[in-house]
Amino acid sequence: MKTATSAWNGISVSDIVEVALLQSYNTRLVVLSTIVLGVASGLIGSFLLLRKRSLIGDALSHACLPGIVLAFMIMVALGGSGKSLPGLFLGAAVSGLAGVGVVLLIRNTSRIKDDTAMGLVLSVFFGGGVALLGLAQAMPQAGAAGLESFIYGRTASMILHDFIWIVSVAGVTLLAGFLLYKEMVLLCFDEGFAASQGWPVKRLDAVMLGLVAAITVVGLQAVGLILMIAFLITPAAAARFWTEDARRMTLLAGALGGLSGWLGASISALAPRLPAGAIIVLVAAGVFVFSMLFGTSRGIATRVRSHRKLVTRVGRQHLLRAVYELLESSSAADVENAPVPNAKIRVADLVAKRSWSRARVQRLIDRALKEDHVDFYNGERLRLSESGFGEAARITRNHRLWEMYLIAHADIAPQHVDRDADMVEHVLGPELIAELEREIIKRGRASIIPASPHVIVPVRGAA
């Protein structure tokens, strides 16, 4: 008797506990197989993603179908049952590698690009496999072989022999990936540099494709050839949103692949009518969407926060520089030789100088007050605090340095350089600032705050 049934399709708490603790023999085989397969797929898929060859896995998986059918037909013709999993895997591997070889041949001997070549091989090989599958159905024992299950996967029907095959191949693939990690990363990021250093680039490329072929072939049993590409690429793509480090990315991709396999297989075990392969891919897609939204490196939320911080920083810098320039213009002192006094300025002059709306100026002033950059404000006039005045001087100096650099090296007219400097000055780093300072010293202008280079001073006596 089922007790404490939940509201989800009558599944009981005991069913959930049984699946979570892997109490059932068949569930244990399926879940452990998909976890190991997910970890290996995530690791190898990271290399494909970094190598910008994501579709190779798709072409390879679809190219496996004719090999599976031909291997079945040959084994039946030789008097066997055609059900030998090693034989089917061997046929899939040969056919898949042949498909990848055709892709590389087309790319290296013609002007056809990779994506076009992959599309051709994918469709032709898969069409040939479907045609051969129709012929194989007429042979004895063809129906019992269940060849169609390789298209969509047959996770629930795994036996111990299948589990051993999957874990063995996935384990060898993981070991090879870890041992050749540095070489694979070098190949992914700079193939030309690797070749110039004497690394066997073509052999490494062949090894990478061999690892992809191995994990794809054993993955056909769990996910199927149509969905295998998603299991290869989706965890790696999700991991890319969390880190910029290649090593962390590969490890995280393996973890996300294993998590997708565990959750997908467990959900399928609770709801047998849901195919495990499709559920695994949907779970991986859910992980990808979550990573895309909340990833700490490239996630949408992170980018939105970074953009808001940039907008806030740019607004603050523009406000402080505008105040400093107003102080310059109102001061009778020569800015090349004497400091600019910190005095009160009219807010109306600030609005007119930057063509800002009064509401925007008010928001900027409110933030400057919170950041202690303004120590006096009565609605009509404001004065910078000591820290605010120092920050304004630094920002103005960096702006002038960048203006001089653009005039000297980018052939920008002095009358137009202010707007161009506004677009890039906010990302100046210490090294570039030091370089710009050396440029000023070369020109004999080593003042604390150089005069604005885009202001043209009229020559006395000119007509």
Protein backbone atom coordinates (compact mmCIF):
# COMPACT_ATOMS: atom_id res chain seq x y z
CA MET A 1 0.00 0.00 0.00
CA LYS A 2 1.28 3.43 -0.94
CA THR A 3 1.13 5.89 1.90
CA ALA A 4 1.77 9.62 2.17
CA THR A 5 1.17 10.06 -1.51
CA SER A 6 2.20 13.36 -3.00
CA ALA A 7 0.15 15.39 -5.40
CA TRP A 8 2.41 14.71 -8.35
CA ASN A 9 0.86 11.88 -10.35
CA GLY A 10 0.34 9.75 -7.27
CA ILE A 11 4.05 9.23 -6.58
CA SER A 12 4.61 8.39 -2.94
CA VAL A 13 7.31 9.62 -0.63
CA SER A 14 8.61 6.08 -0.39
CA ASP A 15 9.09 6.04 -4.17
CA ILE A 16 11.12 9.24 -4.00
CA VAL A 17 13.25 7.88 -1.15
CA GLU A 18 13.79 4.61 -3.02
CA VAL A 19 15.03 6.44 -6.12
CA ALA A 20 17.10 8.98 -4.18
CA LEU A 21 18.88 6.26 -2.19
CA LEU A 22 19.26 3.99 -5.25
CA GLN A 23 17.61 1.09 -3.47
CA SER A 24 16.39 -0.52 -6.69
CA TYR A 25 18.96 -2.54 -8.66
CA ASN A 26 17.82 -1.27 -12.06
CA THR A 27 17.60 2.33 -10.85
CA ARG A 28 21.09 2.05 -9.43
CA LEU A 29 22.49 0.89 -12.77
CA VAL A 30 20.71 3.59 -14.74
CA VAL A 31 21.49 6.51 -12.42
CA LEU A 32 25.14 5.62 -11.90
CA SER A 33 25.60 5.08 -15.64
CA THR A 34 24.12 8.45 -16.54
CA ILE A 35 26.14 10.23 -13.82
CA VAL A 36 29.42 8.82 -15.12
CA LEU A 37 28.36 9.51 -18.69
CA GLY A 38 27.38 13.08 -17.77
CA VAL A 39 30.72 13.80 -16.11
CA ALA A 40 32.66 12.49 -19.12
CA SER A 41 30.39 14.30 -21.59
CA GLY A 42 30.80 17.59 -19.74
CA LEU A 43 34.59 17.29 -19.71
CA ILE A 44 34.96 16.35 -23.38
CA GLY A 45 32.26 18.81 -24.40
CA SER A 46 34.31 21.61 -22.84
CA PHE A 47 37.11 20.90 -25.30
CA LEU A 48 34.63 20.96 -28.19
CA LEU A 49 33.18 24.26 -27.01
CA LEU A 50 36.59 25.88 -26.58
CA ARG A 51 37.67 24.48 -29.94
CA LYS A 52 34.52 25.97 -31.51
CA ARG A 53 33.50 22.60 -32.89
CA SER A 54 30.25 22.06 -31.07
CA LEU A 55 28.48 20.65 -34.12
CA ILE A 56 31.12 17.94 -34.57
CA GLY A 57 29.39 15.94 -31.83
CA ASP A 58 26.06 16.29 -33.63
CA ALA A 59 27.52 15.16 -36.95
CA LEU A 60 29.32 12.28 -35.25
CA SER A 61 26.26 11.04 -33.35
CA HIS A 62 24.03 11.09 -36.43
CA ALA A 63 26.75 9.42 -38.48
CA CYS A 64 26.72 6.49 -36.03
CA LEU A 65 23.33 5.19 -37.19
CA PRO A 66 24.44 3.52 -40.45
CA GLY A 67 27.32 1.87 -38.58
CA ILE A 68 24.96 0.44 -35.99
CA VAL A 69 22.64 -0.97 -38.62
CA LEU A 70 25.47 -2.37 -40.76
CA ALA A 71 27.07 -4.02 -37.71
CA PHE A 72 23.73 -5.62 -36.88
CA MET A 73 23.25 -6.87 -40.43
CA ILE A 74 26.79 -8.30 -40.56
CA MET A 75 26.41 -10.11 -37.23
CA VAL A 76 23.07 -11.58 -38.33
CA ALA A 77 24.57 -12.64 -41.66
CA LEU A 78 27.40 -14.40 -39.79
CA GLY A 79 24.88 -16.39 -37.80
CA GLY A 80 24.78 -14.27 -34.67
CA SER A 81 21.83 -12.62 -33.02
CA GLY A 82 22.93 -9.09 -33.85
CA LYS A 83 22.42 -8.06 -30.20
CA SER A 84 26.09 -7.89 -29.22
CA LEU A 85 26.57 -4.46 -27.71
CA PRO A 86 30.36 -4.37 -28.36
CA GLY A 87 29.72 -5.17 -32.01
CA LEU A 88 27.08 -2.45 -32.33
CA PHE A 89 29.38 0.02 -30.57
CA LEU A 90 32.22 -0.89 -32.90
CA GLY A 91 30.05 -0.29 -35.94
CA ALA A 92 28.88 3.03 -34.50
CA ALA A 93 32.46 4.11 -33.80
CA VAL A 94 33.68 3.25 -37.30
CA SER A 95 30.75 4.99 -38.95
CA GLY A 96 30.96 8.03 -36.68
CA LEU A 97 34.68 8.49 -37.25
CA ALA A 98 34.11 8.07 -40.97
CA GLY A 99 31.55 10.88 -40.82
CA VAL A 100 33.97 13.16 -38.98
CA GLY A 101 36.67 12.25 -41.48
CA VAL A 102 34.41 13.28 -44.34
CA VAL A 103 33.75 16.61 -42.58
CA LEU A 104 37.49 17.26 -42.24
CA LEU A 105 38.09 16.16 -45.82
CA ILE A 106 35.47 18.57 -47.16
CA ARG A 107 36.82 21.41 -45.04
CA ASN A 108 40.47 20.85 -46.00
CA THR A 109 39.95 20.27 -49.72
CA SER A 110 37.28 22.85 -50.56
CA ARG A 111 36.05 26.30 -49.63
CA ILE A 112 33.03 24.91 -47.82
CA LYS A 113 32.96 25.97 -44.18
CA ASP A 114 32.72 23.68 -41.18
CA ASP A 115 29.04 24.24 -40.46
CA THR A 116 28.02 23.48 -44.05
CA ALA A 117 30.17 20.34 -44.17
CA MET A 118 28.73 19.13 -40.86
CA GLY A 119 25.18 19.73 -42.07
CA LEU A 120 25.85 17.72 -45.23
CA VAL A 121 27.44 14.78 -43.42
CA LEU A 122 24.79 14.81 -40.69
CA SER A 123 21.87 14.63 -43.10
CA VAL A 124 23.44 12.20 -45.58
CA PHE A 125 24.69 9.71 -42.99
CA PHE A 126 21.47 9.85 -40.97
CA GLY A 127 19.38 9.40 -44.13
CA GLY A 128 21.53 6.44 -45.10
CA GLY A 129 21.10 4.96 -41.64
CA VAL A 130 17.31 5.27 -41.80
CA ALA A 131 17.31 3.60 -45.25
CA LEU A 132 19.47 0.74 -43.95
CA LEU A 133 17.23 0.42 -40.92
CA GLY A 134 14.29 -0.26 -43.23
CA LEU A 135 16.25 -3.04 -44.92
CA ALA A 136 17.36 -4.49 -41.59
CA GLN A 137 13.78 -4.79 -40.36
CA ALA A 138 13.15 -7.46 -42.99
CA MET A 139 15.98 -9.61 -41.66
CA PRO A 140 15.48 -12.33 -39.02
CA GLN A 141 15.63 -11.12 -35.42
CA ALA A 142 15.67 -7.50 -36.58
CA GLY A 143 12.63 -6.57 -34.55
CA ALA A 144 14.07 -8.12 -31.43
CA ALA A 145 17.25 -6.11 -31.74
CA GLY A 146 15.42 -2.83 -31.10
CA LEU A 147 17.72 -0.78 -33.28
CA GLU A 148 15.33 2.16 -33.22
CA SER A 149 16.09 2.59 -29.52
CA PHE A 150 19.55 3.90 -30.39
CA ILE A 151 17.90 6.91 -32.03
CA TYR A 152 16.14 8.01 -28.83
CA GLY A 153 18.07 6.02 -26.22
CA ARG A 154 16.98 3.09 -24.06
CA THR A 155 18.20 3.97 -20.59
CA ALA A 156 15.57 2.01 -18.68
CA SER A 157 16.56 -1.29 -20.31
CA MET A 158 20.20 -1.20 -19.22
CA ILE A 159 21.70 -4.34 -17.76
CA LEU A 160 24.94 -4.94 -15.88
CA HIS A 161 26.83 -5.61 -19.13
CA ASP A 162 25.75 -2.23 -20.51
CA PHE A 163 26.70 -0.54 -17.25
CA ILE A 164 30.20 -2.02 -17.35
CA TRP A 165 30.68 -0.87 -20.93
CA ILE A 166 29.53 2.69 -20.23
CA VAL A 167 31.56 3.09 -17.05
CA SER A 168 34.68 1.57 -18.63
CA VAL A 169 34.65 3.72 -21.76
CA ALA A 170 33.66 6.86 -19.84
CA GLY A 171 36.39 6.18 -17.28
CA VAL A 172 39.06 5.78 -19.93
CA THR A 173 37.82 8.94 -21.65
CA LEU A 174 37.97 10.90 -18.39
CA LEU A 175 41.47 9.62 -17.66
CA ALA A 176 42.69 10.57 -21.12
CA GLY A 177 41.08 13.99 -20.83
CA PHE A 178 42.84 14.70 -17.51
CA LEU A 179 46.23 13.39 -18.69
CA LEU A 180 46.12 15.45 -21.89
CA TYR A 181 44.41 18.46 -20.37
CA LYS A 182 47.22 20.99 -20.97
CA GLU A 183 47.75 19.81 -24.53
CA MET A 184 44.02 19.96 -25.29
CA VAL A 185 43.65 23.46 -23.86
CA LEU A 186 46.65 24.66 -25.86
CA LEU A 187 45.12 23.17 -29.00
CA CYS A 188 41.77 24.82 -28.28
CA PHE A 189 43.10 28.30 -27.63
CA ASP A 190 46.01 28.65 -30.08
CA GLU A 191 46.54 25.91 -32.62
CA GLY A 192 49.13 27.96 -34.52
CA PHE A 193 51.25 28.55 -31.43
CA ALA A 194 51.07 24.86 -30.52
CA ALA A 195 52.29 23.92 -34.00
CA SER A 196 55.13 26.47 -33.83
CA GLN A 197 56.28 24.93 -30.53
CA GLY A 198 56.52 21.49 -32.11
CA TRP A 199 53.38 19.93 -30.68
CA PRO A 200 51.75 17.24 -32.86
CA VAL A 201 48.63 19.30 -33.58
CA LYS A 202 47.04 16.85 -36.00
CA ARG A 203 47.55 13.92 -33.65
CA LEU A 204 46.11 15.86 -30.73
CA ASP A 205 43.15 16.83 -32.90
CA ALA A 206 42.65 13.19 -33.81
CA VAL A 207 42.84 12.17 -30.14
CA MET A 208 40.22 14.78 -29.24
CA LEU A 209 37.89 13.53 -31.94
CA GLY A 210 38.54 9.98 -30.78
CA LEU A 211 37.50 10.89 -27.24
CA VAL A 212 34.38 12.60 -28.58
CA ALA A 213 33.59 9.51 -30.65
CA ALA A 214 34.07 7.18 -27.67
CA ILE A 215 31.79 9.12 -25.34
CA THR A 216 29.24 9.65 -28.11
CA VAL A 217 29.05 5.96 -28.96
CA VAL A 218 28.52 4.80 -25.38
CA GLY A 219 26.10 7.67 -24.84
CA LEU A 220 23.81 6.36 -27.56
CA GLN A 221 22.62 3.70 -25.13
CA ALA A 222 21.46 6.27 -22.58
CA VAL A 223 20.51 9.43 -24.47
CA GLY A 224 20.25 8.42 -28.11
CA LEU A 225 22.02 9.80 -31.15
CA ILE A 226 19.58 12.69 -31.67
CA LEU A 227 19.99 14.12 -28.16
CA MET A 228 23.63 13.21 -27.52
CA ILE A 229 24.90 16.55 -28.80
CA ALA A 230 22.89 18.33 -26.09
CA PHE A 231 24.50 16.16 -23.41
CA LEU A 232 27.94 17.02 -24.81
CA ILE A 233 27.57 20.78 -25.22
CA THR A 234 24.90 21.99 -22.77
CA PRO A 235 26.85 21.36 -19.50
CA ALA A 236 29.97 22.98 -21.00
CA ALA A 237 27.99 25.99 -22.22
CA ALA A 238 26.37 26.32 -18.78
CA ALA A 239 29.75 26.17 -17.03
CA ARG A 240 31.02 28.99 -19.26
CA PHE A 241 28.67 31.41 -17.49
CA TRP A 242 30.29 30.75 -14.10
CA THR A 243 34.02 31.13 -14.70
CA GLU A 244 36.70 32.49 -17.02
CA ASP A 245 39.25 29.83 -16.01
CA ALA A 246 39.51 26.88 -18.40
CA ARG A 247 40.37 24.34 -15.69
CA ARG A 248 37.46 25.38 -13.50
CA MET A 249 35.19 25.38 -16.52
CA THR A 250 35.99 21.77 -17.43
CA LEU A 251 35.57 20.59 -13.85
CA LEU A 252 32.31 22.49 -13.46
CA ALA A 253 31.05 21.19 -16.82
CA GLY A 254 31.69 17.64 -15.64
CA ALA A 255 29.85 18.33 -12.38
CA LEU A 256 26.87 19.87 -14.20
CA GLY A 257 26.79 16.96 -16.64
CA GLY A 258 26.75 14.49 -13.77
CA LEU A 259 24.04 16.50 -12.02
CA SER A 260 21.91 16.53 -15.18
CA GLY A 261 22.32 12.79 -15.62
CA TRP A 262 21.42 12.08 -11.98
CA LEU A 263 18.33 14.31 -11.89
CA GLY A 264 17.11 13.27 -15.35
CA ALA A 265 17.47 9.55 -14.70
CA SER A 266 15.88 9.90 -11.26
CA ILE A 267 12.87 11.79 -12.63
CA SER A 268 12.47 9.19 -15.36
CA ALA A 269 12.62 6.43 -12.76
CA LEU A 270 9.79 8.09 -10.84
CA ALA A 271 7.73 8.58 -13.99
CA PRO A 272 8.48 5.62 -16.30
CA ARG A 273 6.46 7.08 -19.15
CA LEU A 274 8.94 9.94 -19.44
CA PRO A 275 11.93 8.86 -21.60
CA ALA A 276 15.16 9.22 -19.66
CA GLY A 277 17.17 10.66 -22.57
CA ALA A 278 14.74 13.50 -23.17
CA ILE A 279 14.41 14.27 -19.44
CA ILE A 280 18.20 14.33 -19.02
CA VAL A 281 18.52 16.84 -21.84
CA LEU A 282 15.66 18.96 -20.46
CA VAL A 283 17.31 19.02 -17.03
CA ALA A 284 20.60 20.04 -18.66
CA ALA A 285 18.73 22.78 -20.51
CA GLY A 286 17.25 23.96 -17.20
CA VAL A 287 20.74 24.11 -15.70
CA PHE A 288 21.87 26.10 -18.72
CA VAL A 289 19.03 28.62 -18.38
CA PHE A 290 19.75 29.05 -14.66
CA SER A 291 23.45 29.55 -15.42
CA MET A 292 22.67 32.03 -18.18
CA LEU A 293 20.57 34.09 -15.79
CA PHE A 294 22.64 33.90 -12.60
CA GLY A 295 26.17 32.86 -13.64
CA THR A 296 28.78 34.81 -11.68
CA SER A 297 31.02 35.42 -14.71
CA ARG A 298 28.80 35.94 -17.75
CA GLY A 299 25.28 35.62 -16.41
CA ILE A 300 22.64 38.14 -17.37
CA ALA A 301 22.10 39.26 -13.77
CA THR A 302 25.84 39.77 -13.30
CA ARG A 303 26.08 41.77 -16.50
CA VAL A 304 23.11 43.92 -15.52
CA ARG A 305 24.71 44.66 -12.15
CA SER A 306 28.03 45.45 -13.81
CA HIS A 307 26.31 47.74 -16.30
CA ARG A 308 24.50 49.59 -13.53
CA LYS A 309 27.75 50.03 -11.62
CA LEU A 310 29.42 51.34 -14.78
CA VAL A 311 26.59 53.79 -15.44
CA THR A 312 26.80 54.99 -11.84
CA ARG A 313 30.58 55.38 -12.01
CA VAL A 314 30.43 57.19 -15.34
CA GLY A 315 27.74 59.57 -14.07
CA ARG A 316 29.77 60.33 -10.94
CA GLN A 317 32.91 60.99 -12.99
CA HIS A 318 31.08 63.26 -15.40
CA LEU A 319 29.58 65.24 -12.52
CA LEU A 320 32.89 65.73 -10.74
CA ARG A 321 34.74 66.66 -13.93
CA ALA A 322 32.03 69.12 -14.92
CA VAL A 323 32.28 70.79 -11.49
CA TYR A 324 36.08 70.98 -11.75
CA GLU A 325 35.93 72.49 -15.23
CA LEU A 326 33.43 75.10 -14.00
CA LEU A 327 35.84 75.94 -11.20
CA GLU A 328 38.59 76.28 -13.80
CA SER A 329 36.58 78.62 -15.95
CA SER A 330 35.52 80.78 -13.02
CA SER A 331 39.04 81.01 -11.62
CA ALA A 332 41.40 83.80 -12.69
CA ALA A 333 44.40 81.64 -11.93
CA ASP A 334 46.50 79.97 -14.61
CA VAL A 335 45.81 76.26 -14.22
CA GLU A 336 49.26 75.39 -15.54
CA ASN A 337 50.98 77.05 -12.60
CA ALA A 338 48.48 77.45 -9.77
CA PRO A 339 45.91 75.17 -8.15
CA VAL A 340 42.23 75.61 -8.80
CA PRO A 341 40.36 76.81 -5.70
CA ASN A 342 37.47 74.74 -4.41
CA ALA A 343 34.48 77.09 -4.33
CA LYS A 344 30.73 76.97 -4.60
CA ILE A 345 29.20 76.73 -8.08
CA ARG A 346 25.69 77.30 -9.37
CA VAL A 347 23.68 74.16 -10.20
CA ALA A 348 22.17 76.01 -13.17
CA ASP A 349 25.66 76.39 -14.67
CA LEU A 350 26.22 72.65 -14.18
CA VAL A 351 22.97 71.83 -15.99
CA ALA A 352 23.89 74.11 -18.89
CA LYS A 353 27.44 72.76 -19.22
CA ARG A 354 26.51 69.12 -19.69
CA SER A 355 23.07 69.62 -21.29
CA TRP A 356 21.60 67.46 -18.54
CA SER A 357 18.05 67.57 -17.30
CA ARG A 358 17.56 69.01 -13.85
CA ALA A 359 16.21 65.66 -12.64
CA ARG A 360 19.36 63.82 -13.76
CA VAL A 361 21.60 66.40 -12.12
CA GLN A 362 19.60 66.02 -8.92
CA ARG A 363 20.08 62.23 -8.96
CA LEU A 364 23.83 62.63 -9.50
CA ILE A 365 24.10 65.18 -6.69
CA ASP A 366 22.13 62.93 -4.34
CA ARG A 367 24.52 60.06 -5.01
CA ALA A 368 27.52 62.39 -4.60
CA LEU A 369 26.16 63.44 -1.21
CA LYS A 370 25.86 59.79 -0.16
CA GLU A 371 29.43 59.12 -1.29
CA ASP A 372 30.70 62.19 0.63
CA HIS A 373 31.89 63.93 -2.53
CA VAL A 374 29.76 67.02 -1.84
CA ASP A 375 29.83 68.83 1.52
CA PHE A 376 27.48 71.73 0.71
CA TYR A 377 24.25 71.79 -1.28
CA ASN A 378 21.25 74.06 -0.81
CA GLY A 379 19.37 73.37 -4.04
CA GLU A 380 20.98 76.25 -5.94
CA ARG A 381 24.67 75.91 -5.21
CA LEU A 382 27.03 73.09 -4.31
CA ARG A 383 30.61 72.67 -3.19
CA LEU A 384 32.79 69.59 -3.38
CA SER A 385 34.20 68.04 -0.26
CA GLU A 386 37.93 67.61 0.12
CA SER A 387 37.79 64.03 -1.08
CA GLY A 388 35.39 64.96 -3.88
CA PHE A 389 37.66 67.77 -5.07
CA GLY A 390 40.66 65.45 -5.12
CA GLU A 391 38.69 62.85 -7.08
CA ALA A 392 37.50 65.54 -9.50
CA ALA A 393 41.09 66.65 -10.11
CA ARG A 394 42.20 63.05 -10.74
CA ILE A 395 39.32 62.38 -13.16
CA THR A 396 39.95 65.63 -15.06
CA ARG A 397 43.65 64.83 -15.33
CA ASN A 398 42.99 61.37 -16.74
CA HIS A 399 40.51 62.83 -19.21
CA ARG A 400 43.06 65.37 -20.43
CA LEU A 401 45.74 62.70 -20.72
CA TRP A 402 43.46 60.59 -22.87
CA GLU A 403 42.54 63.60 -25.03
CA MET A 404 46.22 64.29 -25.71
CA TYR A 405 46.80 60.65 -26.58
CA LEU A 406 43.92 60.62 -29.07
CA ILE A 407 45.13 63.83 -30.72
CA ALA A 408 48.71 62.54 -31.01
CA HIS A 409 48.04 58.93 -32.06
CA ALA A 410 44.50 58.71 -33.43
CA ASP A 411 44.48 61.82 -35.64
CA ILE A 412 41.35 63.19 -33.97
CA ALA A 413 40.77 66.91 -34.38
CA PRO A 414 41.14 68.88 -31.12
CA GLN A 415 37.64 70.31 -31.58
CA HIS A 416 36.09 66.81 -31.49
CA VAL A 417 38.35 64.93 -29.10
CA ASP A 418 36.29 65.63 -25.97
CA ARG A 419 33.38 63.39 -27.04
CA ASP A 420 35.71 60.57 -28.12
CA ALA A 421 37.58 60.74 -24.82
CA ASP A 422 34.28 60.59 -22.94
CA MET A 423 33.53 57.21 -24.53
CA VAL A 424 36.69 55.42 -23.32
CA GLU A 425 38.26 57.34 -20.46
CA HIS A 426 36.33 55.39 -17.81
CA VAL A 427 38.27 52.19 -18.47
CA LEU A 428 41.78 53.64 -18.16
CA GLY A 429 44.10 51.31 -16.27
CA PRO A 430 47.20 52.24 -14.23
CA GLU A 431 49.60 51.04 -16.94
CA LEU A 432 47.95 53.14 -19.65
CA ILE A 433 47.82 56.18 -17.38
CA ALA A 434 51.57 55.82 -16.73
CA GLU A 435 52.18 55.63 -20.48
CA LEU A 436 50.14 58.77 -21.07
CA GLU A 437 52.06 60.57 -18.32
CA ARG A 438 55.34 59.71 -20.04
CA GLU A 439 53.90 61.16 -23.23
CA ILE A 440 53.18 64.44 -21.44
CA ILE A 441 56.71 64.58 -20.02
CA LYS A 442 58.10 64.13 -23.54
CA ARG A 443 56.08 67.15 -24.60
CA GLY A 444 57.44 69.18 -21.69
CA ARG A 445 54.05 69.50 -20.01
CA ALA A 446 54.47 67.93 -16.61
CA SER A 447 51.88 70.02 -14.80
CA ILE A 448 49.53 68.40 -12.30
CA ILE A 449 46.42 69.12 -14.36
CA PRO A 450 47.25 69.85 -18.03
CA ALA A 451 45.11 72.35 -19.84
CA SER A 452 42.41 70.94 -22.10
CA PRO A 453 44.07 70.25 -25.47
CA HIS A 454 40.88 70.71 -27.51
CA VAL A 455 40.50 74.37 -26.45
CA ILE A 456 42.03 76.52 -29.18
CA VAL A 457 43.63 79.66 -27.77
CA PRO A 458 43.45 82.62 -30.21
CA VAL A 459 46.78 84.12 -31.27
CA ARG A 460 47.26 87.78 -30.51
CA GLY A 461 47.45 90.01 -33.53
CA ALA A 462 45.57 87.57 -35.72
CA ALA A 463 43.18 89.11 -38.21
